[in-house]
């Protein structure tokens, strides 16, 4: 049985995961500077996008549009039902995007139409899929994706993978530190999200206060607010380092960066995190943040995610 994984563009995985044949992509459509393009997780295009976002301080410069149910159904029937026998469709949290609902809607059309397509291609009639809401975003979806890929490569059956990944979802934590609150505030205002109001944005900008945001179980909000970007990042990485030392449920930590991922190695606290991961044989996976993610967080945002049943955030290094 050949098993595949389908994710959307907000899943912050390096390009080599998509080139491996284990992971397929739902490319989110983007409007950038009056042009429409697809976020294909191409690292050259992604880095160019983040550089442009840093130059253009305009909330209307770029926007993202979710993959539609019709597009998801077409992707499956044109390609995935022929390439795989079972597909896990892992989506960004349903609280922030329509992709999960669209995938669920598409699944009904897929299961009613795939048999003839496979039969015509000389394949066994049976095809199965599972749609899973990661209940997280960006690196939070990515760390679950890396574990699905790891289990696929180990030859685990779909039932075991499905059970395990759903077990991991409530223990997945994705932290973020944006260097500039402009994009966070503007996007939150558009959605009617009051987690960052005008007063908080103004005071944060004047006093250079940076929130440490946590994505967990469909909710994203601040767990701490610190003066200056570097101390906030160092505190975030220190929490991940403690989680690694305490023992993770999956042997991967994912980092996303709104810019050149080579710069991540120079961030405060990264070296200690890497040493802790190396000592415990935990893979530290670094990727550019998606264009769709960058629209909402702004350039230079750092995100990190892991899966732990022991974690408690502490505001200390």
C-alpha atoms as a PDB file:
ATOM      1  CA  UNK A   1       0.000   0.000   0.000  1.00  0.00           C
ATOM      2  CA  UNK A   2       1.348   3.416  -0.950  1.00  0.00           C
ATOM      3  CA  UNK A   3       0.506   6.156   1.561  1.00  0.00           C
ATOM      4  CA  UNK A   4       0.774   9.882   0.879  1.00  0.00           C
ATOM      5  CA  UNK A   5       0.321  13.125   2.764  1.00  0.00           C
ATOM      6  CA  UNK A   6      -1.384  16.267   1.465  1.00  0.00           C
ATOM      7  CA  UNK A   7      -0.841  19.644   3.167  1.00  0.00           C
ATOM      8  CA  UNK A   8      -1.622  23.256   2.333  1.00  0.00           C
ATOM      9  CA  UNK A   9       0.960  25.969   1.672  1.00  0.00           C
ATOM     10  CA  UNK A  10       0.888  27.293   5.246  1.00  0.00           C
ATOM     11  CA  UNK A  11       2.594  24.082   6.421  1.00  0.00           C
ATOM     12  CA  UNK A  12       6.184  25.240   6.986  1.00  0.00           C
ATOM     13  CA  UNK A  13       8.137  22.310   5.564  1.00  0.00           C
ATOM     14  CA  UNK A  14      11.368  22.578   3.561  1.00  0.00           C
ATOM     15  CA  UNK A  15      11.019  22.057  -0.177  1.00  0.00           C
ATOM     16  CA  UNK A  16      12.778  18.665  -0.054  1.00  0.00           C
ATOM     17  CA  UNK A  17       9.737  17.144   1.683  1.00  0.00           C
ATOM     18  CA  UNK A  18       7.607  17.967  -1.359  1.00  0.00           C
ATOM     19  CA  UNK A  19      10.275  16.744  -3.767  1.00  0.00           C
ATOM     20  CA  UNK A  20      10.534  13.390  -1.945  1.00  0.00           C
ATOM     21  CA  UNK A  21       7.227  12.066  -3.278  1.00  0.00           C
ATOM     22  CA  UNK A  22       5.760  11.537   0.197  1.00  0.00           C
ATOM     23  CA  UNK A  23       4.100  14.972   0.476  1.00  0.00           C
ATOM     24  CA  UNK A  24       1.731  16.657  -1.980  1.00  0.00           C
ATOM     25  CA  UNK A  25       0.732  20.314  -1.827  1.00  0.00           C
ATOM     26  CA  UNK A  26      -2.484  22.306  -1.948  1.00  0.00           C
ATOM     27  CA  UNK A  27      -1.029  25.623  -3.199  1.00  0.00           C
ATOM     28  CA  UNK A  28      -2.821  28.607  -1.690  1.00  0.00           C
ATOM     29  CA  UNK A  29      -3.543  31.407  -4.156  1.00  0.00           C
ATOM     30  CA  UNK A  30      -1.940  34.765  -3.379  1.00  0.00           C
ATOM     31  CA  UNK A  31      -2.620  38.303  -4.523  1.00  0.00           C
ATOM     32  CA  UNK A  32       0.713  40.115  -4.391  1.00  0.00           C
ATOM     33  CA  UNK A  33       1.092  43.651  -5.691  1.00  0.00           C
ATOM     34  CA  UNK A  34      -1.887  43.288  -8.010  1.00  0.00           C
ATOM     35  CA  UNK A  35      -0.720  39.927  -9.391  1.00  0.00           C
ATOM     36  CA  UNK A  36      -2.225  36.501  -8.668  1.00  0.00           C
ATOM     37  CA  UNK A  37       0.152  33.615  -7.997  1.00  0.00           C
ATOM     38  CA  UNK A  38       0.210  30.284  -6.182  1.00  0.00           C
ATOM     39  CA  UNK A  39       2.276  29.613  -3.074  1.00  0.00           C
ATOM     40  CA  UNK A  40       4.073  26.484  -4.283  1.00  0.00           C
ATOM     41  CA  UNK A  41       6.586  26.499  -1.398  1.00  0.00           C
ATOM     42  CA  UNK A  42       9.292  27.460  -3.876  1.00  0.00           C
ATOM     43  CA  UNK A  43      12.051  28.816  -1.633  1.00  0.00           C
ATOM     44  CA  UNK A  44      13.390  31.363  -4.132  1.00  0.00           C
ATOM     45  CA  UNK A  45       9.938  32.878  -4.681  1.00  0.00           C
ATOM     46  CA  UNK A  46       9.186  32.743  -0.951  1.00  0.00           C
ATOM     47  CA  UNK A  47      12.358  34.609   0.016  1.00  0.00           C
ATOM     48  CA  UNK A  48      11.677  37.234  -2.656  1.00  0.00           C
ATOM     49  CA  UNK A  49       8.184  37.666  -1.224  1.00  0.00           C
ATOM     50  CA  UNK A  50       9.474  38.195   2.331  1.00  0.00           C
ATOM     51  CA  UNK A  51      12.006  40.763   1.079  1.00  0.00           C
ATOM     52  CA  UNK A  52       9.239  42.633  -0.731  1.00  0.00           C
ATOM     53  CA  UNK A  53       7.002  42.553   2.338  1.00  0.00           C
ATOM     54  CA  UNK A  54       9.821  44.166   4.322  1.00  0.00           C
ATOM     55  CA  UNK A  55      10.028  46.979   1.766  1.00  0.00           C
ATOM     56  CA  UNK A  56       6.297  47.602   1.334  1.00  0.00           C
ATOM     57  CA  UNK A  57       4.460  48.489   4.529  1.00  0.00           C
ATOM     58  CA  UNK A  58       0.954  48.168   3.128  1.00  0.00           C
ATOM     59  CA  UNK A  59      -1.760  45.895   4.495  1.00  0.00           C
ATOM     60  CA  UNK A  60      -3.346  45.689   1.029  1.00  0.00           C
ATOM     61  CA  UNK A  61      -0.148  44.697  -0.801  1.00  0.00           C
ATOM     62  CA  UNK A  62      -0.734  40.963  -0.376  1.00  0.00           C
ATOM     63  CA  UNK A  63      -3.552  38.614   0.570  1.00  0.00           C
ATOM     64  CA  UNK A  64      -4.234  34.882   0.496  1.00  0.00           C
ATOM     65  CA  UNK A  65      -7.197  32.814  -0.670  1.00  0.00           C
ATOM     66  CA  UNK A  66      -7.919  29.283   0.613  1.00  0.00           C
ATOM     67  CA  UNK A  67      -7.846  26.241  -1.657  1.00  0.00           C
ATOM     68  CA  UNK A  68     -11.451  25.589  -2.695  1.00  0.00           C
ATOM     69  CA  UNK A  69     -13.385  22.348  -2.322  1.00  0.00           C
ATOM     70  CA  UNK A  70     -13.552  22.059  -6.130  1.00  0.00           C
ATOM     71  CA  UNK A  71      -9.775  22.464  -6.440  1.00  0.00           C
ATOM     72  CA  UNK A  72      -9.148  19.841  -3.737  1.00  0.00           C
ATOM     73  CA  UNK A  73     -11.489  17.365  -5.425  1.00  0.00           C
ATOM     74  CA  UNK A  74      -9.791  17.946  -8.778  1.00  0.00           C
ATOM     75  CA  UNK A  75      -6.319  17.449  -7.263  1.00  0.00           C
ATOM     76  CA  UNK A  76      -7.368  14.094  -5.857  1.00  0.00           C
ATOM     77  CA  UNK A  77      -9.188  12.813  -8.940  1.00  0.00           C
ATOM     78  CA  UNK A  78      -6.574  14.025 -11.441  1.00  0.00           C
ATOM     79  CA  UNK A  79      -3.532  12.864  -9.511  1.00  0.00           C
ATOM     80  CA  UNK A  80      -3.663  11.593  -5.927  1.00  0.00           C
ATOM     81  CA  UNK A  81      -6.088   8.696  -6.378  1.00  0.00           C
ATOM     82  CA  UNK A  82      -3.703   7.406  -9.069  1.00  0.00           C
ATOM     83  CA  UNK A  83      -0.472   7.921  -7.114  1.00  0.00           C
ATOM     84  CA  UNK A  84      -1.534   6.617  -3.698  1.00  0.00           C
ATOM     85  CA  UNK A  85      -3.794   4.060  -2.087  1.00  0.00           C
ATOM     86  CA  UNK A  86      -4.368   6.123   1.042  1.00  0.00           C
ATOM     87  CA  UNK A  87      -3.889   9.875   1.593  1.00  0.00           C
ATOM     88  CA  UNK A  88      -3.789  11.848   4.820  1.00  0.00           C
ATOM     89  CA  UNK A  89      -5.007  15.406   4.214  1.00  0.00           C
ATOM     90  CA  UNK A  90      -3.611  17.542   7.047  1.00  0.00           C
ATOM     91  CA  UNK A  91      -4.866  21.133   7.173  1.00  0.00           C
ATOM     92  CA  UNK A  92      -4.199  24.379   8.977  1.00  0.00           C
ATOM     93  CA  UNK A  93      -6.536  24.995  11.942  1.00  0.00           C
ATOM     94  CA  UNK A  94     -10.184  25.299  10.952  1.00  0.00           C
ATOM     95  CA  UNK A  95     -10.499  28.329  13.253  1.00  0.00           C
ATOM     96  CA  UNK A  96      -8.248  30.380  10.926  1.00  0.00           C
ATOM     97  CA  UNK A  97      -8.999  29.009   7.468  1.00  0.00           C
ATOM     98  CA  UNK A  98     -11.723  27.365   5.385  1.00  0.00           C
ATOM     99  CA  UNK A  99      -9.326  24.744   4.018  1.00  0.00           C
ATOM    100  CA  UNK A 100     -10.376  22.029   6.491  1.00  0.00           C
ATOM    101  CA  UNK A 101     -14.083  22.564   5.760  1.00  0.00           C
ATOM    102  CA  UNK A 102     -13.352  22.628   2.023  1.00  0.00           C
ATOM    103  CA  UNK A 103     -11.381  19.373   2.279  1.00  0.00           C
ATOM    104  CA  UNK A 104     -14.209  17.691   4.167  1.00  0.00           C
ATOM    105  CA  UNK A 105     -16.681  18.864   1.530  1.00  0.00           C
ATOM    106  CA  UNK A 106     -14.401  17.634  -1.265  1.00  0.00           C
ATOM    107  CA  UNK A 107     -13.990  14.214   0.350  1.00  0.00           C
ATOM    108  CA  UNK A 108     -17.620  13.290  -0.393  1.00  0.00           C
ATOM    109  CA  UNK A 109     -17.141  13.889  -4.109  1.00  0.00           C
ATOM    110  CA  UNK A 110     -13.803  12.061  -4.119  1.00  0.00           C
ATOM    111  CA  UNK A 111     -15.125   8.855  -2.546  1.00  0.00           C
ATOM    112  CA  UNK A 112     -18.068   8.771  -4.957  1.00  0.00           C
ATOM    113  CA  UNK A 113     -15.938   9.218  -8.104  1.00  0.00           C
ATOM    114  CA  UNK A 114     -12.525   7.625  -7.598  1.00  0.00           C
ATOM    115  CA  UNK A 115     -13.415   3.971  -8.351  1.00  0.00           C
ATOM    116  CA  UNK A 116     -13.861   4.303 -12.097  1.00  0.00           C
ATOM    117  CA  UNK A 117     -10.724   6.437 -12.392  1.00  0.00           C
ATOM    118  CA  UNK A 118      -8.595   3.802 -10.635  1.00  0.00           C
ATOM    119  CA  UNK A 119     -10.228   0.947 -12.475  1.00  0.00           C
ATOM    120  CA  UNK A 120      -9.523   2.585 -15.837  1.00  0.00           C
ATOM    121  CA  UNK A 121      -5.878   2.987 -14.802  1.00  0.00           C
ATOM    122  CA  UNK A 122      -5.631  -0.710 -13.931  1.00  0.00           C
ATOM    123  CA  UNK A 123      -5.413  -0.132 -10.187  1.00  0.00           C
ATOM    124  CA  UNK A 124      -7.246  -1.914  -7.416  1.00  0.00           C
ATOM    125  CA  UNK A 125     -10.592  -0.280  -6.821  1.00  0.00           C
ATOM    126  CA  UNK A 126     -10.037   0.629  -3.166  1.00  0.00           C
ATOM    127  CA  UNK A 127      -8.777   4.089  -2.197  1.00  0.00           C
ATOM    128  CA  UNK A 128      -9.088   5.735   1.219  1.00  0.00           C
ATOM    129  CA  UNK A 129      -8.409   9.157   2.656  1.00  0.00           C
ATOM    130  CA  UNK A 130      -8.491  10.860   6.048  1.00  0.00           C
ATOM    131  CA  UNK A 131      -8.932  14.595   6.587  1.00  0.00           C
ATOM    132  CA  UNK A 132      -7.286  15.822   9.786  1.00  0.00           C
ATOM    133  CA  UNK A 133      -7.563  19.284  11.315  1.00  0.00           C
ATOM    134  CA  UNK A 134      -4.125  20.028  12.786  1.00  0.00           C
ATOM    135  CA  UNK A 135      -5.845  22.545  15.095  1.00  0.00           C
ATOM    136  CA  UNK A 136      -2.657  24.560  14.689  1.00  0.00           C
ATOM    137  CA  UNK A 137      -0.836  26.631  12.092  1.00  0.00           C
ATOM    138  CA  UNK A 138       2.474  27.116  10.292  1.00  0.00           C
ATOM    139  CA  UNK A 139       5.131  25.060  12.127  1.00  0.00           C
ATOM    140  CA  UNK A 140       2.401  23.471  14.256  1.00  0.00           C
ATOM    141  CA  UNK A 141       1.028  21.763  11.167  1.00  0.00           C
ATOM    142  CA  UNK A 142       4.563  21.056   9.930  1.00  0.00           C
ATOM    143  CA  UNK A 143       5.707  19.134  13.008  1.00  0.00           C
ATOM    144  CA  UNK A 144       2.688  16.830  12.686  1.00  0.00           C
ATOM    145  CA  UNK A 145       3.433  16.439   8.976  1.00  0.00           C
ATOM    146  CA  UNK A 146       7.040  15.410   9.651  1.00  0.00           C
ATOM    147  CA  UNK A 147       5.817  12.716  12.015  1.00  0.00           C
ATOM    148  CA  UNK A 148       3.322  11.384   9.474  1.00  0.00           C
ATOM    149  CA  UNK A 149       6.133  11.207   6.903  1.00  0.00           C
ATOM    150  CA  UNK A 150       8.414   9.467   9.412  1.00  0.00           C
ATOM    151  CA  UNK A 151       5.755   6.834  10.138  1.00  0.00           C
ATOM    152  CA  UNK A 152       5.022   6.349   6.428  1.00  0.00           C
ATOM    153  CA  UNK A 153       8.712   5.697   5.795  1.00  0.00           C
ATOM    154  CA  UNK A 154       8.779   3.219   8.683  1.00  0.00           C
ATOM    155  CA  UNK A 155       5.975   1.266   6.985  1.00  0.00           C
ATOM    156  CA  UNK A 156       3.271   1.924   9.585  1.00  0.00           C
ATOM    157  CA  UNK A 157      -0.294   1.128   8.437  1.00  0.00           C
ATOM    158  CA  UNK A 158      -2.800   3.977   7.913  1.00  0.00           C
ATOM    159  CA  UNK A 159      -4.845   3.012  10.975  1.00  0.00           C
ATOM    160  CA  UNK A 160      -1.842   3.325  13.283  1.00  0.00           C
ATOM    161  CA  UNK A 161      -0.696   6.603  11.721  1.00  0.00           C
ATOM    162  CA  UNK A 162      -4.206   8.031  11.984  1.00  0.00           C
ATOM    163  CA  UNK A 163      -4.544   7.062  15.647  1.00  0.00           C
ATOM    164  CA  UNK A 164      -1.135   8.425  16.577  1.00  0.00           C
ATOM    165  CA  UNK A 165      -1.409  11.782  14.800  1.00  0.00           C
ATOM    166  CA  UNK A 166      -4.816  12.473  16.342  1.00  0.00           C
ATOM    167  CA  UNK A 167      -3.275  11.652  19.709  1.00  0.00           C
ATOM    168  CA  UNK A 168      -0.495  14.203  19.062  1.00  0.00           C
ATOM    169  CA  UNK A 169      -2.772  17.103  18.043  1.00  0.00           C
ATOM    170  CA  UNK A 170      -3.722  18.188  21.618  1.00  0.00           C
ATOM    171  CA  UNK A 171      -0.034  18.172  22.607  1.00  0.00           C
ATOM    172  CA  UNK A 172       1.229  20.272  19.693  1.00  0.00           C
ATOM    173  CA  UNK A 173       2.499  23.761  20.505  1.00  0.00           C
ATOM    174  CA  UNK A 174       3.515  26.383  17.945  1.00  0.00           C
ATOM    175  CA  UNK A 175       5.144  29.560  19.237  1.00  0.00           C
ATOM    176  CA  UNK A 176       5.757  32.748  17.247  1.00  0.00           C
ATOM    177  CA  UNK A 177       7.520  36.050  17.779  1.00  0.00           C
ATOM    178  CA  UNK A 178       6.786  38.785  15.189  1.00  0.00           C
ATOM    179  CA  UNK A 179       9.394  41.574  15.025  1.00  0.00           C
ATOM    180  CA  UNK A 180       6.749  44.105  13.949  1.00  0.00           C
ATOM    181  CA  UNK A 181       3.131  44.183  15.131  1.00  0.00           C
ATOM    182  CA  UNK A 182       1.855  46.019  12.037  1.00  0.00           C
ATOM    183  CA  UNK A 183       0.718  42.968  10.037  1.00  0.00           C
ATOM    184  CA  UNK A 184      -0.545  41.071  13.098  1.00  0.00           C
ATOM    185  CA  UNK A 185      -2.678  44.058  14.138  1.00  0.00           C
ATOM    186  CA  UNK A 186      -4.034  44.838  10.664  1.00  0.00           C
ATOM    187  CA  UNK A 187      -4.972  41.227   9.901  1.00  0.00           C
ATOM    188  CA  UNK A 188      -6.551  40.738  13.341  1.00  0.00           C
ATOM    189  CA  UNK A 189      -8.594  43.905  12.817  1.00  0.00           C
ATOM    190  CA  UNK A 190      -9.884  42.614   9.483  1.00  0.00           C
ATOM    191  CA  UNK A 191     -11.088  39.369  11.100  1.00  0.00           C
ATOM    192  CA  UNK A 192     -12.624  41.135  14.091  1.00  0.00           C
ATOM    193  CA  UNK A 193     -10.032  39.432  16.299  1.00  0.00           C
ATOM    194  CA  UNK A 194      -9.593  41.537  19.448  1.00  0.00           C
ATOM    195  CA  UNK A 195      -6.502  39.701  20.758  1.00  0.00           C
ATOM    196  CA  UNK A 196      -4.460  42.776  19.736  1.00  0.00           C
ATOM    197  CA  UNK A 197      -6.354  46.087  19.908  1.00  0.00           C
ATOM    198  CA  UNK A 198      -5.314  49.564  18.793  1.00  0.00           C
ATOM    199  CA  UNK A 199      -4.016  50.531  22.234  1.00  0.00           C
ATOM    200  CA  UNK A 200      -1.965  47.354  22.511  1.00  0.00           C
ATOM    201  CA  UNK A 201      -0.548  47.879  19.034  1.00  0.00           C
ATOM    202  CA  UNK A 202       0.351  51.507  19.729  1.00  0.00           C
ATOM    203  CA  UNK A 203       1.949  50.851  23.119  1.00  0.00           C
ATOM    204  CA  UNK A 204       3.770  47.809  21.765  1.00  0.00           C
ATOM    205  CA  UNK A 205       5.181  49.851  18.913  1.00  0.00           C
ATOM    206  CA  UNK A 206       6.230  52.779  21.115  1.00  0.00           C
ATOM    207  CA  UNK A 207       7.917  50.647  23.783  1.00  0.00           C
ATOM    208  CA  UNK A 208       9.125  47.876  21.434  1.00  0.00           C
ATOM    209  CA  UNK A 209       7.082  45.216  23.224  1.00  0.00           C
ATOM    210  CA  UNK A 210       6.992  41.872  21.410  1.00  0.00           C
ATOM    211  CA  UNK A 211       4.374  39.220  22.177  1.00  0.00           C
ATOM    212  CA  UNK A 212       5.244  35.542  22.303  1.00  0.00           C
ATOM    213  CA  UNK A 213       2.229  33.982  20.605  1.00  0.00           C
ATOM    214  CA  UNK A 214       1.176  30.367  21.101  1.00  0.00           C
ATOM    215  CA  UNK A 215      -0.910  28.286  18.717  1.00  0.00           C
ATOM    216  CA  UNK A 216      -2.618  25.369  20.453  1.00  0.00           C
ATOM    217  CA  UNK A 217      -5.918  23.571  19.895  1.00  0.00           C
ATOM    218  CA  UNK A 218      -7.449  26.103  17.469  1.00  0.00           C
ATOM    219  CA  UNK A 219      -6.480  29.100  19.600  1.00  0.00           C
ATOM    220  CA  UNK A 220      -3.681  31.592  18.946  1.00  0.00           C
ATOM    221  CA  UNK A 221      -2.821  34.268  21.465  1.00  0.00           C
ATOM    222  CA  UNK A 222      -0.062  35.831  23.571  1.00  0.00           C
ATOM    223  CA  UNK A 223       1.455  33.911  26.478  1.00  0.00           C
ATOM    224  CA  UNK A 224       4.012  36.634  27.277  1.00  0.00           C
ATOM    225  CA  UNK A 225       4.977  40.166  26.269  1.00  0.00           C
ATOM    226  CA  UNK A 226       8.605  41.211  26.406  1.00  0.00           C
ATOM    227  CA  UNK A 227      10.679  44.281  25.656  1.00  0.00           C
ATOM    228  CA  UNK A 228      12.557  43.828  22.387  1.00  0.00           C
ATOM    229  CA  UNK A 229      12.653  41.069  19.801  1.00  0.00           C
ATOM    230  CA  UNK A 230      15.833  39.200  20.817  1.00  0.00           C
ATOM    231  CA  UNK A 231      14.808  38.527  24.453  1.00  0.00           C
ATOM    232  CA  UNK A 232      11.396  37.327  23.259  1.00  0.00           C
ATOM    233  CA  UNK A 233      12.964  34.911  20.764  1.00  0.00           C
ATOM    234  CA  UNK A 234      15.472  33.673  23.324  1.00  0.00           C
ATOM    235  CA  UNK A 235      12.687  33.030  25.844  1.00  0.00           C
ATOM    236  CA  UNK A 236      10.671  31.184  23.209  1.00  0.00           C
ATOM    237  CA  UNK A 237      13.624  28.980  22.238  1.00  0.00           C
ATOM    238  CA  UNK A 238      14.441  28.369  25.924  1.00  0.00           C
ATOM    239  CA  UNK A 239      10.972  26.899  26.433  1.00  0.00           C
ATOM    240  CA  UNK A 240      11.467  24.586  23.464  1.00  0.00           C
ATOM    241  CA  UNK A 241      14.902  23.575  24.760  1.00  0.00           C
ATOM    242  CA  UNK A 242      13.382  22.618  28.126  1.00  0.00           C
ATOM    243  CA  UNK A 243      10.678  20.621  26.344  1.00  0.00           C
ATOM    244  CA  UNK A 244      13.309  18.754  24.314  1.00  0.00           C
ATOM    245  CA  UNK A 245      15.297  17.939  27.448  1.00  0.00           C
ATOM    246  CA  UNK A 246      12.142  16.719  29.212  1.00  0.00           C
ATOM    247  CA  UNK A 247      11.336  14.391  26.298  1.00  0.00           C
ATOM    248  CA  UNK A 248       9.133  14.969  23.250  1.00  0.00           C
ATOM    249  CA  UNK A 249       6.354  12.761  21.935  1.00  0.00           C
ATOM    250  CA  UNK A 250       7.804  12.989  18.407  1.00  0.00           C
ATOM    251  CA  UNK A 251      11.516  13.349  17.578  1.00  0.00           C
ATOM    252  CA  UNK A 252      11.175  16.537  15.497  1.00  0.00           C
ATOM    253  CA  UNK A 253      11.159  20.290  16.150  1.00  0.00           C
ATOM    254  CA  UNK A 254      10.148  22.599  13.284  1.00  0.00           C
ATOM    255  CA  UNK A 255      11.222  26.213  12.850  1.00  0.00           C
ATOM    256  CA  UNK A 256       9.787  28.645  10.304  1.00  0.00           C
ATOM    257  CA  UNK A 257      11.300  32.030   9.513  1.00  0.00           C
ATOM    258  CA  UNK A 258       9.899  34.951   7.529  1.00  0.00           C
ATOM    259  CA  UNK A 259      13.097  35.351   5.546  1.00  0.00           C
ATOM    260  CA  UNK A 260      16.292  33.448   4.720  1.00  0.00           C
ATOM    261  CA  UNK A 261      16.343  30.353   6.989  1.00  0.00           C
ATOM    262  CA  UNK A 262      20.147  30.607   7.147  1.00  0.00           C
ATOM    263  CA  UNK A 263      19.622  33.537   9.530  1.00  0.00           C
ATOM    264  CA  UNK A 264      17.909  31.315  12.100  1.00  0.00           C
ATOM    265  CA  UNK A 265      21.271  29.954  13.303  1.00  0.00           C
ATOM    266  CA  UNK A 266      22.193  33.462  14.500  1.00  0.00           C
ATOM    267  CA  UNK A 267      19.070  33.998  16.609  1.00  0.00           C
ATOM    268  CA  UNK A 268      19.551  34.082  20.411  1.00  0.00           C
ATOM    269  CA  UNK A 269      18.865  30.719  22.027  1.00  0.00           C
ATOM    270  CA  UNK A 270      19.081  28.729  18.794  1.00  0.00           C
ATOM    271  CA  UNK A 271      22.520  27.225  19.536  1.00  0.00           C
ATOM    272  CA  UNK A 272      21.341  25.835  22.887  1.00  0.00           C
ATOM    273  CA  UNK A 273      18.227  24.416  21.261  1.00  0.00           C
ATOM    274  CA  UNK A 274      20.281  22.745  18.542  1.00  0.00           C
ATOM    275  CA  UNK A 275      22.678  21.235  21.112  1.00  0.00           C
ATOM    276  CA  UNK A 276      19.730  19.831  23.070  1.00  0.00           C
ATOM    277  CA  UNK A 277      18.190  18.354  19.899  1.00  0.00           C
ATOM    278  CA  UNK A 278      21.500  16.823  18.791  1.00  0.00           C
ATOM    279  CA  UNK A 279      22.067  15.255  22.207  1.00  0.00           C
ATOM    280  CA  UNK A 280      18.636  13.588  22.131  1.00  0.00           C
ATOM    281  CA  UNK A 281      18.549  12.676  18.421  1.00  0.00           C
ATOM    282  CA  UNK A 282      15.721  15.109  17.728  1.00  0.00           C
ATOM    283  CA  UNK A 283      15.625  16.429  14.168  1.00  0.00           C
ATOM    284  CA  UNK A 284      15.655  20.233  13.995  1.00  0.00           C
ATOM    285  CA  UNK A 285      13.934  21.176  10.736  1.00  0.00           C
ATOM    286  CA  UNK A 286      14.178  24.766   9.476  1.00  0.00           C
ATOM    287  CA  UNK A 287      12.163  26.227   6.586  1.00  0.00           C
ATOM    288  CA  UNK A 288      11.072  29.600   5.239  1.00  0.00           C
ATOM    289  CA  UNK A 289       7.685  30.667   6.532  1.00  0.00           C
ATOM    290  CA  UNK A 290       5.088  30.394   3.778  1.00  0.00           C
ATOM    291  CA  UNK A 291       3.977  33.407   1.809  1.00  0.00           C
ATOM    292  CA  UNK A 292       0.465  32.845   3.174  1.00  0.00           C
ATOM    293  CA  UNK A 293       1.862  32.897   6.710  1.00  0.00           C
ATOM    294  CA  UNK A 294       3.988  35.945   6.007  1.00  0.00           C
ATOM    295  CA  UNK A 295       0.918  37.922   4.956  1.00  0.00           C
ATOM    296  CA  UNK A 296      -0.463  37.588   8.485  1.00  0.00           C
ATOM    297  CA  UNK A 297       2.717  37.811  10.573  1.00  0.00           C
ATOM    298  CA  UNK A 298       4.984  40.097   8.549  1.00  0.00           C
ATOM    299  CA  UNK A 299       8.623  39.617   7.531  1.00  0.00           C
ATOM    300  CA  UNK A 300      11.130  38.295  10.051  1.00  0.00           C
ATOM    301  CA  UNK A 301       8.620  36.384  12.170  1.00  0.00           C
ATOM    302  CA  UNK A 302      10.063  33.313  13.914  1.00  0.00           C
ATOM    303  CA  UNK A 303       7.897  30.268  14.623  1.00  0.00           C
ATOM    304  CA  UNK A 304       8.811  26.998  16.338  1.00  0.00           C
ATOM    305  CA  UNK A 305       6.717  23.915  17.103  1.00  0.00           C
ATOM    306  CA  UNK A 306       7.013  20.620  18.944  1.00  0.00           C
ATOM    307  CA  UNK A 307       4.827  17.887  20.451  1.00  0.00           C
ATOM    308  CA  UNK A 308       5.018  17.373  24.217  1.00  0.00           C
ATOM    309  CA  UNK A 309       2.740  16.063  26.953  1.00  0.00           C
ATOM    310  CA  UNK A 310       4.890  17.680  29.671  1.00  0.00           C
ATOM    311  CA  UNK A 311       5.163  21.266  28.451  1.00  0.00           C
ATOM    312  CA  UNK A 312       4.290  24.351  30.489  1.00  0.00           C
ATOM    313  CA  UNK A 313       5.361  27.778  29.225  1.00  0.00           C
ATOM    314  CA  UNK A 314       7.686  29.696  31.529  1.00  0.00           C
ATOM    315  CA  UNK A 315       8.692  33.319  31.118  1.00  0.00           C
ATOM    316  CA  UNK A 316      12.382  32.708  31.726  1.00  0.00           C
ATOM    317  CA  UNK A 317      15.528  31.812  29.818  1.00  0.00           C
END
